[in-house]
Amino acid sequence: MNTLDFAIVAVHAVLLYAWVVFPALLAWASRRCARSPLPPAREDLPSVAIILSAYNEEAHIAARIRNLLAMRYPAGRWQAYIGVDGSRDRTAIEARAAAAEHPAIQVLDFAENRGKIAVLKDLAGRARAASDSPGILVFTDANTEFKPEALARLVAPFSDAAVGGVCGKLELVQHEKGATDENVYWKLEKWLKARESALDSCLGANGAIYAIRAGLFWRDIPSNTIIDDFVIGMKVREHGYRMVYEPQAVAFEDLAPEVRHEWKRRVRIGAGNFQSIGLCRACLGPSFGVFAWSFWSHKVLRWLTPHLMLVGVVLAAAGTVSDSPVPGMVALACYLAFALAALFGKAQGGALGAAGKLVRGIHYLLAMQAALFAGFLRFCRGNLEGRWQRTAR
C-alpha cells in the first residue's frame, strides 16, 4: 500500500470510527463500567431559580409562564427570572400580563438586545444576590414546555454530592406532516447522552431543560458564547463534578418541519461548536479520562466530519490517477452514490417507506454537514456575536 492509499484508508477509518465504532464502544463501556446508581432523592426539594432569556417570543411567552405555574413543585421553593432581551415585539407586555399576581415570577425588560448569555449572566447574578439565594439554577427556553413533574425530577439527582449538573430529556414534537429526520438524529443524540452519563458525564447540556449548582455557574463566560448550554455544562465537569442525564425530567419543543428552517440555526451552532473547543479545551486533556475520550470522539471528530469528507474526496480523486487507482475509485464512487442519494432524498420530500426514509436521512446528514462547514467558515472570520434571532423552532 503506497502513501496515498494509506491516507485514503486512514481518513475514512476516522469517519467510520466517529460515526460507527465509537457508539458501539460507548454502548459496551457504559454497560461494563457504568457508575453506581444515584441515591434516592430527598423528600425536601431544594430551592431553585429558573432562568429564562426571551427574544421576540410574544407567541410563546404567556404559555411558557402558564406552564411554569402549573409545575408540581412546592410554592415558595422556586423563583423564575425572565429576561426580555431587547425584543421588538410584545414579549415583555405578554410576559408581565401572564406573570401578574404571581410574585414568584420576575420579568425584567432589557432595552438593548445583547444576546442570550449576557441576559443569563444578569439573571443568575440577581438570583444569587437574592435574600433566599437558591442552591440550584434551572435553565430553559421560552418555547419549551415542561411536564408537570419535570422540575422535581430534574433536581432529584442533586442528592448526590458528586453531581454538579443535570440535563433533562427534550422531546421534539411534530404537529404537521413533513420530514422527521432531525427527530431521528435527536434520538441518537439522546441515546449517546444517556450512555455517556452512565459512564462518566454528559457532554454539555440541552438549553431547553438543565440545572446546575448555583456556585458552578461560570461567571466569566464570554458574552459572545453561542452554544452556552454546552459550555456551561462542560464547565461543571471541568470543576470536578458530574453532569448527569435524567430521562424522567421531560420537556417538549416543536420540531422544525424542513431542513431549510434549520439552516441558519445550524450554521450558527456550527460556529459555536468550534468556538466551544477553545472554551472547553481543558476537558480534552488526558486527566479527564473517558470523558475526554467522549469529547474527542463524539464532538470534535464529528464536528470535523465535513473537513474529513472534503479531504477524502480530494485524496480519492488523486488516487484514481495513481499507480493503484482502485482505492480512490471505490472511495469516489461511494461519495458519488452518497451525493446522488442526497439529491434524490431532497426530491422525495415526505415520501414514506424504508428507501424514502434512507435517502431523506442521507440528505439531512449532508445538509447538516454543509451547515457545519459554513459555521466553521463563520468561526474563522471571527467577530462572533451572542445576539441571535428566532428560527422556526
Protein backbone atom coordinates (compact mmCIF):
# COMPACT_ATOMS: atom_id res chain seq x y z
CA MET A 1 0.00 0.00 0.00
CA ASN A 2 1.51 3.34 -1.03
CA THR A 3 1.27 6.56 0.96
CA LEU A 4 -1.75 7.89 -0.96
CA ASP A 5 -3.71 4.66 -0.50
CA PHE A 6 -2.86 4.69 3.20
CA ALA A 7 -4.10 8.29 3.50
CA ILE A 8 -7.39 7.39 1.77
CA VAL A 9 -7.94 4.47 4.14
CA ALA A 10 -6.93 6.50 7.22
CA VAL A 11 -9.33 9.39 6.54
CA HIS A 12 -12.26 7.08 6.05
CA ALA A 13 -11.28 4.96 9.03
CA VAL A 14 -11.54 8.09 11.21
CA LEU A 15 -15.01 8.81 9.81
CA LEU A 16 -16.06 5.20 10.41
CA TYR A 17 -14.72 5.38 13.96
CA ALA A 18 -16.57 8.62 14.81
CA TRP A 19 -19.95 7.54 13.46
CA VAL A 20 -20.00 3.75 13.94
CA VAL A 21 -17.19 2.38 16.08
CA PHE A 22 -17.37 4.97 18.87
CA PRO A 23 -21.13 4.48 19.55
CA ALA A 24 -20.55 0.72 19.67
CA LEU A 25 -17.62 1.08 22.07
CA LEU A 26 -19.59 3.54 24.18
CA ALA A 27 -22.50 1.13 24.45
CA TRP A 28 -20.16 -1.66 25.55
CA ALA A 29 -18.24 0.52 28.02
CA SER A 30 -21.36 2.03 29.58
CA ARG A 31 -22.65 -1.48 30.35
CA ARG A 32 -19.36 -2.82 31.68
CA CYS A 33 -18.08 0.24 33.54
CA ALA A 34 -21.20 2.20 34.48
CA ARG A 35 -21.08 4.45 37.55
CA SER A 36 -23.02 3.43 40.65
CA PRO A 37 -26.74 4.32 40.63
CA LEU A 38 -27.61 7.70 42.10
CA PRO A 39 -29.03 7.65 45.65
CA PRO A 40 -32.77 8.22 46.17
CA ALA A 41 -33.88 11.84 46.10
CA ARG A 42 -34.60 13.59 49.37
CA GLU A 43 -38.19 14.49 50.15
CA ASP A 44 -37.27 18.10 50.92
CA LEU A 45 -36.88 19.61 47.46
CA PRO A 46 -34.20 22.30 47.16
CA SER A 47 -34.79 25.97 46.44
CA VAL A 48 -34.35 26.70 42.74
CA ALA A 49 -34.20 29.71 40.45
CA ILE A 50 -35.50 29.26 36.92
CA ILE A 51 -33.55 31.36 34.41
CA LEU A 52 -35.02 32.20 31.00
CA SER A 53 -33.91 34.64 28.29
CA ALA A 54 -36.52 35.61 25.68
CA TYR A 55 -36.20 37.49 22.41
CA ASN A 56 -39.24 38.18 20.18
CA GLU A 57 -41.23 35.41 21.85
CA GLU A 58 -44.66 37.06 22.04
CA ALA A 59 -46.26 33.94 20.56
CA HIS A 60 -44.87 31.65 23.28
CA ILE A 61 -44.05 33.58 26.44
CA ALA A 62 -47.52 33.62 28.02
CA ALA A 63 -47.95 29.88 27.51
CA ARG A 64 -44.44 29.32 28.90
CA ILE A 65 -45.29 31.22 32.08
CA ARG A 66 -48.57 29.31 32.50
CA ASN A 67 -46.58 26.11 32.08
CA LEU A 68 -44.21 27.15 34.88
CA LEU A 69 -47.13 27.99 37.14
CA ALA A 70 -48.56 24.51 36.54
CA MET A 71 -45.43 22.72 37.81
CA ARG A 72 -45.75 20.23 40.64
CA TYR A 73 -43.17 21.88 42.85
CA PRO A 74 -43.71 23.35 46.33
CA ALA A 75 -44.72 27.00 46.36
CA GLY A 76 -42.04 29.16 47.89
CA ARG A 77 -39.31 26.77 46.78
CA TRP A 78 -38.92 28.22 43.29
CA GLN A 79 -38.48 31.63 41.71
CA ALA A 80 -38.41 32.43 37.99
CA TYR A 81 -36.38 35.21 36.39
CA ILE A 82 -37.45 36.05 32.84
CA GLY A 83 -35.18 38.43 30.94
CA VAL A 84 -36.61 40.05 27.81
CA ASP A 85 -33.57 40.68 25.63
CA GLY A 86 -34.41 43.94 23.82
CA SER A 87 -37.37 42.40 21.97
CA ARG A 88 -39.01 44.36 19.18
CA ASP A 89 -42.44 42.82 19.72
CA ARG A 90 -44.87 42.42 22.64
CA THR A 91 -42.82 39.82 24.54
CA ALA A 92 -42.40 41.99 27.65
CA ILE A 93 -46.07 43.06 27.66
CA GLU A 94 -47.30 39.48 27.28
CA ALA A 95 -44.88 38.26 29.95
CA ARG A 96 -45.93 40.85 32.50
CA ALA A 97 -49.60 40.16 31.86
CA ALA A 98 -49.13 36.40 32.32
CA ALA A 99 -46.99 36.88 35.44
CA ALA A 100 -49.30 39.43 37.08
CA GLU A 101 -50.27 38.48 40.65
CA HIS A 102 -47.55 35.81 40.71
CA PRO A 103 -44.66 37.18 42.79
CA ALA A 104 -42.62 34.02 42.14
CA ILE A 105 -42.05 35.26 38.58
CA GLN A 106 -39.98 38.36 37.89
CA VAL A 107 -39.96 39.86 34.40
CA LEU A 108 -37.03 42.10 33.53
CA ASP A 109 -37.24 44.06 30.28
CA PHE A 110 -33.79 44.97 28.95
CA ALA A 111 -33.84 47.79 26.40
CA GLU A 112 -30.80 46.59 24.45
CA ASN A 113 -30.55 43.30 22.59
CA ARG A 114 -27.26 41.97 23.99
CA GLY A 115 -27.63 38.24 23.39
CA LYS A 116 -28.76 35.29 25.43
CA ILE A 117 -25.64 34.70 27.50
CA ALA A 118 -25.44 38.34 28.64
CA VAL A 119 -29.01 38.08 29.92
CA LEU A 120 -28.36 34.73 31.60
CA LYS A 121 -25.38 36.22 33.44
CA ASP A 122 -27.53 39.12 34.68
CA LEU A 123 -30.35 36.85 35.80
CA ALA A 124 -28.02 34.36 37.51
CA GLY A 125 -26.41 37.27 39.37
CA ARG A 126 -29.80 38.51 40.56
CA ALA A 127 -30.74 35.02 41.72
CA ARG A 128 -27.51 34.62 43.70
CA ALA A 129 -27.92 38.07 45.25
CA ALA A 130 -31.47 37.36 46.46
CA SER A 131 -32.00 37.10 50.21
CA ASP A 132 -33.16 33.49 49.78
CA SER A 133 -30.40 32.62 47.33
CA PRO A 134 -31.23 29.28 45.64
CA GLY A 135 -28.87 26.35 45.61
CA ILE A 136 -29.86 25.28 42.10
CA LEU A 137 -30.12 27.28 38.86
CA VAL A 138 -32.50 25.84 36.25
CA PHE A 139 -32.16 26.96 32.63
CA THR A 140 -34.84 26.71 29.97
CA ASP A 141 -36.15 28.38 26.81
CA ALA A 142 -39.23 30.43 26.03
CA ASN A 143 -40.61 27.93 23.51
CA THR A 144 -40.18 24.92 25.83
CA GLU A 145 -42.89 23.13 27.78
CA PHE A 146 -42.14 21.16 30.96
CA LYS A 147 -44.12 18.12 32.04
CA PRO A 148 -45.69 18.95 35.43
CA GLU A 149 -43.22 16.81 37.38
CA ALA A 150 -40.17 17.74 35.26
CA LEU A 151 -38.64 20.20 37.72
CA ALA A 152 -38.86 17.80 40.65
CA ARG A 153 -37.31 15.05 38.51
CA LEU A 154 -34.59 17.42 37.29
CA VAL A 155 -33.33 18.34 40.77
CA ALA A 156 -33.58 14.83 42.25
CA PRO A 157 -30.02 13.74 41.27
CA PHE A 158 -28.54 16.63 43.26
CA SER A 159 -28.99 14.46 46.36
CA ASP A 160 -25.62 13.03 45.28
CA ALA A 161 -22.90 15.50 46.30
CA ALA A 162 -20.80 14.44 43.29
CA VAL A 163 -23.46 15.71 40.87
CA GLY A 164 -22.98 19.31 39.81
CA GLY A 165 -25.44 19.44 36.93
CA VAL A 166 -28.41 17.58 35.48
CA CYS A 167 -29.63 17.54 31.88
CA GLY A 168 -33.26 16.66 31.24
CA LYS A 169 -34.79 14.92 28.26
CA LEU A 170 -36.06 17.05 25.36
CA GLU A 171 -38.73 15.58 23.13
CA LEU A 172 -39.24 17.15 19.69
CA VAL A 173 -42.94 17.27 18.81
CA GLN A 174 -44.16 17.23 15.23
CA HIS A 175 -47.51 18.97 14.69
CA GLU A 176 -47.62 18.77 10.90
CA LYS A 177 -46.63 16.39 8.17
CA GLY A 178 -43.05 16.58 6.97
CA ALA A 179 -39.66 15.01 7.30
CA THR A 180 -38.71 13.71 10.72
CA ASP A 181 -35.01 13.30 10.03
CA GLU A 182 -33.96 15.72 12.76
CA ASN A 183 -36.04 13.76 15.24
CA VAL A 184 -34.20 10.57 14.27
CA TYR A 185 -30.87 12.37 14.67
CA TRP A 186 -32.00 13.79 18.01
CA LYS A 187 -32.94 10.31 19.26
CA LEU A 188 -29.39 9.19 18.51
CA GLU A 189 -28.02 12.18 20.42
CA LYS A 190 -30.21 11.38 23.44
CA TRP A 191 -29.01 7.78 23.36
CA LEU A 192 -25.38 8.91 23.32
CA LYS A 193 -26.05 11.37 26.14
CA ALA A 194 -27.56 8.62 28.31
CA ARG A 195 -24.62 6.26 27.67
CA GLU A 196 -22.03 8.98 28.37
CA SER A 197 -23.82 9.94 31.57
CA ALA A 198 -23.79 6.32 32.78
CA LEU A 199 -20.07 6.07 32.04
CA ASP A 200 -18.98 9.46 33.41
CA SER A 201 -20.84 12.65 32.46
CA CYS A 202 -22.92 14.22 29.72
CA LEU A 203 -21.11 16.34 27.18
CA GLY A 204 -22.67 19.70 27.98
CA ALA A 205 -26.41 20.08 28.40
CA ASN A 206 -29.55 20.93 26.46
CA GLY A 207 -30.69 24.52 26.80
CA ALA A 208 -34.36 23.55 26.98
CA ILE A 209 -34.04 21.83 30.36
CA TYR A 210 -30.95 21.61 32.55
CA ALA A 211 -29.83 22.62 36.02
CA ILE A 212 -26.54 23.25 37.82
CA ARG A 213 -25.46 24.05 41.35
CA ALA A 214 -25.54 27.84 41.66
CA GLY A 215 -21.89 28.04 42.68
CA LEU A 216 -20.79 26.29 39.47
CA PHE A 217 -22.19 28.88 37.08
CA TRP A 218 -19.24 30.24 35.06
CA ARG A 219 -19.48 33.94 35.81
CA ASP A 220 -16.74 34.83 33.31
CA ILE A 221 -18.29 33.06 30.34
CA PRO A 222 -17.74 35.34 27.31
CA SER A 223 -20.84 37.26 26.27
CA ASN A 224 -20.38 36.16 22.66
CA THR A 225 -20.64 32.46 23.58
CA ILE A 226 -23.04 30.84 21.11
CA ILE A 227 -23.80 27.35 22.48
CA ASP A 228 -23.97 28.46 26.09
CA ASP A 229 -25.73 25.31 27.32
CA PHE A 230 -22.89 23.10 26.08
CA VAL A 231 -20.17 25.33 27.53
CA ILE A 232 -21.87 25.81 30.92
CA GLY A 233 -22.41 22.06 31.22
CA MET A 234 -18.82 21.29 30.27
CA LYS A 235 -17.55 23.71 32.92
CA VAL A 236 -19.42 21.68 35.55
CA ARG A 237 -17.31 18.65 34.64
CA GLU A 238 -14.18 20.79 34.41
CA HIS A 239 -14.72 21.71 38.08
CA GLY A 240 -14.74 18.05 39.08
CA TYR A 241 -18.48 17.39 39.26
CA ARG A 242 -20.65 15.09 37.16
CA MET A 243 -23.19 16.32 34.63
CA VAL A 244 -25.81 13.56 34.55
CA TYR A 245 -28.73 12.80 32.27
CA GLU A 246 -32.19 12.42 33.84
CA PRO A 247 -34.64 11.00 31.26
CA GLN A 248 -37.62 11.38 33.61
CA ALA A 249 -37.26 15.19 33.54
CA VAL A 250 -39.10 15.71 30.26
CA ALA A 251 -39.60 18.87 28.22
CA PHE A 252 -41.14 19.43 24.78
CA GLU A 253 -40.38 21.68 21.83
CA ASP A 254 -41.85 21.87 18.34
CA LEU A 255 -39.92 20.16 15.57
CA ALA A 256 -38.91 22.25 12.57
CA PRO A 257 -40.68 20.55 9.61
CA GLU A 258 -37.96 21.10 6.99
CA VAL A 259 -34.20 21.42 6.77
CA ARG A 260 -34.44 24.94 5.31
CA HIS A 261 -35.97 26.17 8.58
CA GLU A 262 -32.90 24.91 10.41
CA TRP A 263 -30.13 26.18 8.12
CA LYS A 264 -29.37 29.49 9.83
CA ARG A 265 -29.62 27.93 13.28
CA ARG A 266 -27.30 25.08 12.29
CA VAL A 267 -24.72 27.43 10.76
CA ARG A 268 -24.76 29.48 13.96
CA ILE A 269 -24.45 26.34 16.09
CA GLY A 270 -21.62 25.16 13.84
CA ALA A 271 -19.69 28.35 14.55
CA GLY A 272 -20.42 27.86 18.25
CA ASN A 273 -19.14 24.29 18.13
CA PHE A 274 -15.67 25.37 17.06
CA GLN A 275 -15.75 28.30 19.49
CA SER A 276 -16.53 25.89 22.33
CA ILE A 277 -13.48 23.73 21.62
CA GLY A 278 -11.30 26.60 22.77
CA LEU A 279 -13.53 27.45 25.73
CA CYS A 280 -13.64 23.82 26.91
CA ARG A 281 -10.17 22.69 25.81
CA ALA A 282 -9.21 21.65 29.35
CA CYS A 283 -11.66 18.73 29.11
CA LEU A 284 -9.73 17.33 26.14
CA GLY A 285 -6.74 16.56 28.35
CA PRO A 286 -5.86 13.01 29.42
CA SER A 287 -6.58 13.83 33.07
CA PHE A 288 -10.30 13.68 32.24
CA GLY A 289 -10.04 10.05 31.14
CA VAL A 290 -13.12 8.58 29.47
CA PHE A 291 -14.79 11.99 29.48
CA ALA A 292 -12.01 13.36 27.28
CA TRP A 293 -12.35 10.27 25.07
CA SER A 294 -16.07 11.01 24.64
CA PHE A 295 -15.39 14.67 23.92
CA TRP A 296 -12.83 13.86 21.23
CA SER A 297 -14.90 11.07 19.67
CA HIS A 298 -18.49 12.29 19.95
CA LYS A 299 -17.92 16.00 19.38
CA VAL A 300 -14.55 17.05 17.97
CA LEU A 301 -14.23 14.32 15.33
CA ARG A 302 -17.86 14.63 14.28
CA TRP A 303 -17.54 18.41 14.05
CA LEU A 304 -14.60 17.75 11.71
CA THR A 305 -16.65 15.39 9.52
CA PRO A 306 -17.15 17.88 6.64
CA HIS A 307 -13.42 18.65 6.65
CA LEU A 308 -12.57 14.94 6.57
CA MET A 309 -15.07 14.35 3.77
CA LEU A 310 -13.56 17.13 1.67
CA VAL A 311 -10.07 15.74 2.25
CA GLY A 312 -11.41 12.29 1.39
CA VAL A 313 -12.82 13.50 -1.94
CA VAL A 314 -9.53 15.19 -2.89
CA LEU A 315 -7.48 12.14 -1.94
CA ALA A 316 -9.86 9.80 -3.76
CA ALA A 317 -9.71 11.93 -6.90
CA ALA A 318 -5.91 11.92 -6.74
CA GLY A 319 -5.96 8.19 -6.16
CA THR A 320 -7.83 7.48 -9.41
CA VAL A 321 -4.84 8.67 -11.44
CA SER A 322 -2.19 6.99 -9.28
CA ASP A 323 -0.39 3.70 -9.87
CA SER A 324 -3.05 1.88 -7.80
CA PRO A 325 -6.34 3.56 -8.72
CA VAL A 326 -8.73 1.04 -7.13
CA PRO A 327 -8.95 2.53 -3.58
CA GLY A 328 -9.50 6.02 -5.00
CA MET A 329 -12.10 4.82 -7.50
CA VAL A 330 -14.02 2.92 -4.80
CA ALA A 331 -14.00 5.91 -2.43
CA LEU A 332 -15.02 8.33 -5.19
CA ALA A 333 -17.85 6.01 -6.27
CA CYS A 334 -19.12 5.94 -2.67
CA TYR A 335 -19.08 9.73 -2.48
CA LEU A 336 -20.94 9.99 -5.78
CA ALA A 337 -23.57 7.48 -4.64
CA PHE A 338 -23.95 9.39 -1.38
CA ALA A 339 -24.42 12.69 -3.24
CA LEU A 340 -26.97 11.21 -5.66
CA ALA A 341 -28.90 9.67 -2.75
CA ALA A 342 -28.96 13.07 -1.03
CA LEU A 343 -30.30 14.78 -4.16
CA PHE A 344 -32.94 12.08 -4.53
CA GLY A 345 -33.79 12.44 -0.84
CA LYS A 346 -34.39 16.17 -1.28
CA ALA A 347 -36.69 15.47 -4.22
CA GLN A 348 -38.56 12.78 -2.29
CA GLY A 349 -39.83 15.24 0.32
CA GLY A 350 -42.06 13.31 2.72
CA ALA A 351 -42.03 10.02 0.85
CA LEU A 352 -42.73 7.01 3.02
CA GLY A 353 -41.10 3.61 3.02
CA ALA A 354 -37.66 2.44 4.09
CA ALA A 355 -35.95 3.63 0.91
CA GLY A 356 -37.55 7.09 1.13
CA LYS A 357 -36.53 7.44 4.77
CA LEU A 358 -32.98 6.34 3.98
CA VAL A 359 -32.39 8.86 1.19
CA ARG A 360 -34.07 11.64 3.20
CA GLY A 361 -31.78 10.79 6.08
CA ILE A 362 -28.73 11.00 3.80
CA HIS A 363 -29.94 14.37 2.50
CA TYR A 364 -30.43 15.63 6.05
CA LEU A 365 -26.99 14.40 7.12
CA LEU A 366 -25.23 16.09 4.19
CA ALA A 367 -27.22 19.31 4.64
CA MET A 368 -26.21 19.45 8.29
CA GLN A 369 -22.57 18.80 7.39
CA ALA A 370 -22.73 21.65 4.89
CA ALA A 371 -24.17 23.91 7.58
CA LEU A 372 -21.46 22.80 9.98
CA PHE A 373 -18.74 23.67 7.47
CA ALA A 374 -20.41 27.03 6.79
CA GLY A 375 -20.35 27.56 10.56
CA PHE A 376 -16.64 26.74 10.61
CA LEU A 377 -16.02 29.42 7.97
CA ARG A 378 -18.11 31.83 10.03
CA PHE A 379 -15.99 30.99 13.08
CA CYS A 380 -12.78 31.59 11.11
CA ARG A 381 -13.96 35.07 10.12
CA GLY A 382 -14.18 35.96 13.82
CA ASN A 383 -16.29 38.67 15.42
CA LEU A 384 -18.84 36.17 16.72
CA GLU A 385 -21.82 37.73 18.47
CA GLY A 386 -24.02 36.44 21.24
CA ARG A 387 -27.10 38.09 19.79
CA TRP A 388 -29.46 35.82 17.96
CA GLN A 389 -32.72 35.74 16.05
CA ARG A 390 -35.56 33.26 16.28
CA THR A 391 -35.91 30.43 13.81
CA ALA A 392 -38.92 28.24 13.05
CA ARG A 393 -38.24 26.14 16.15
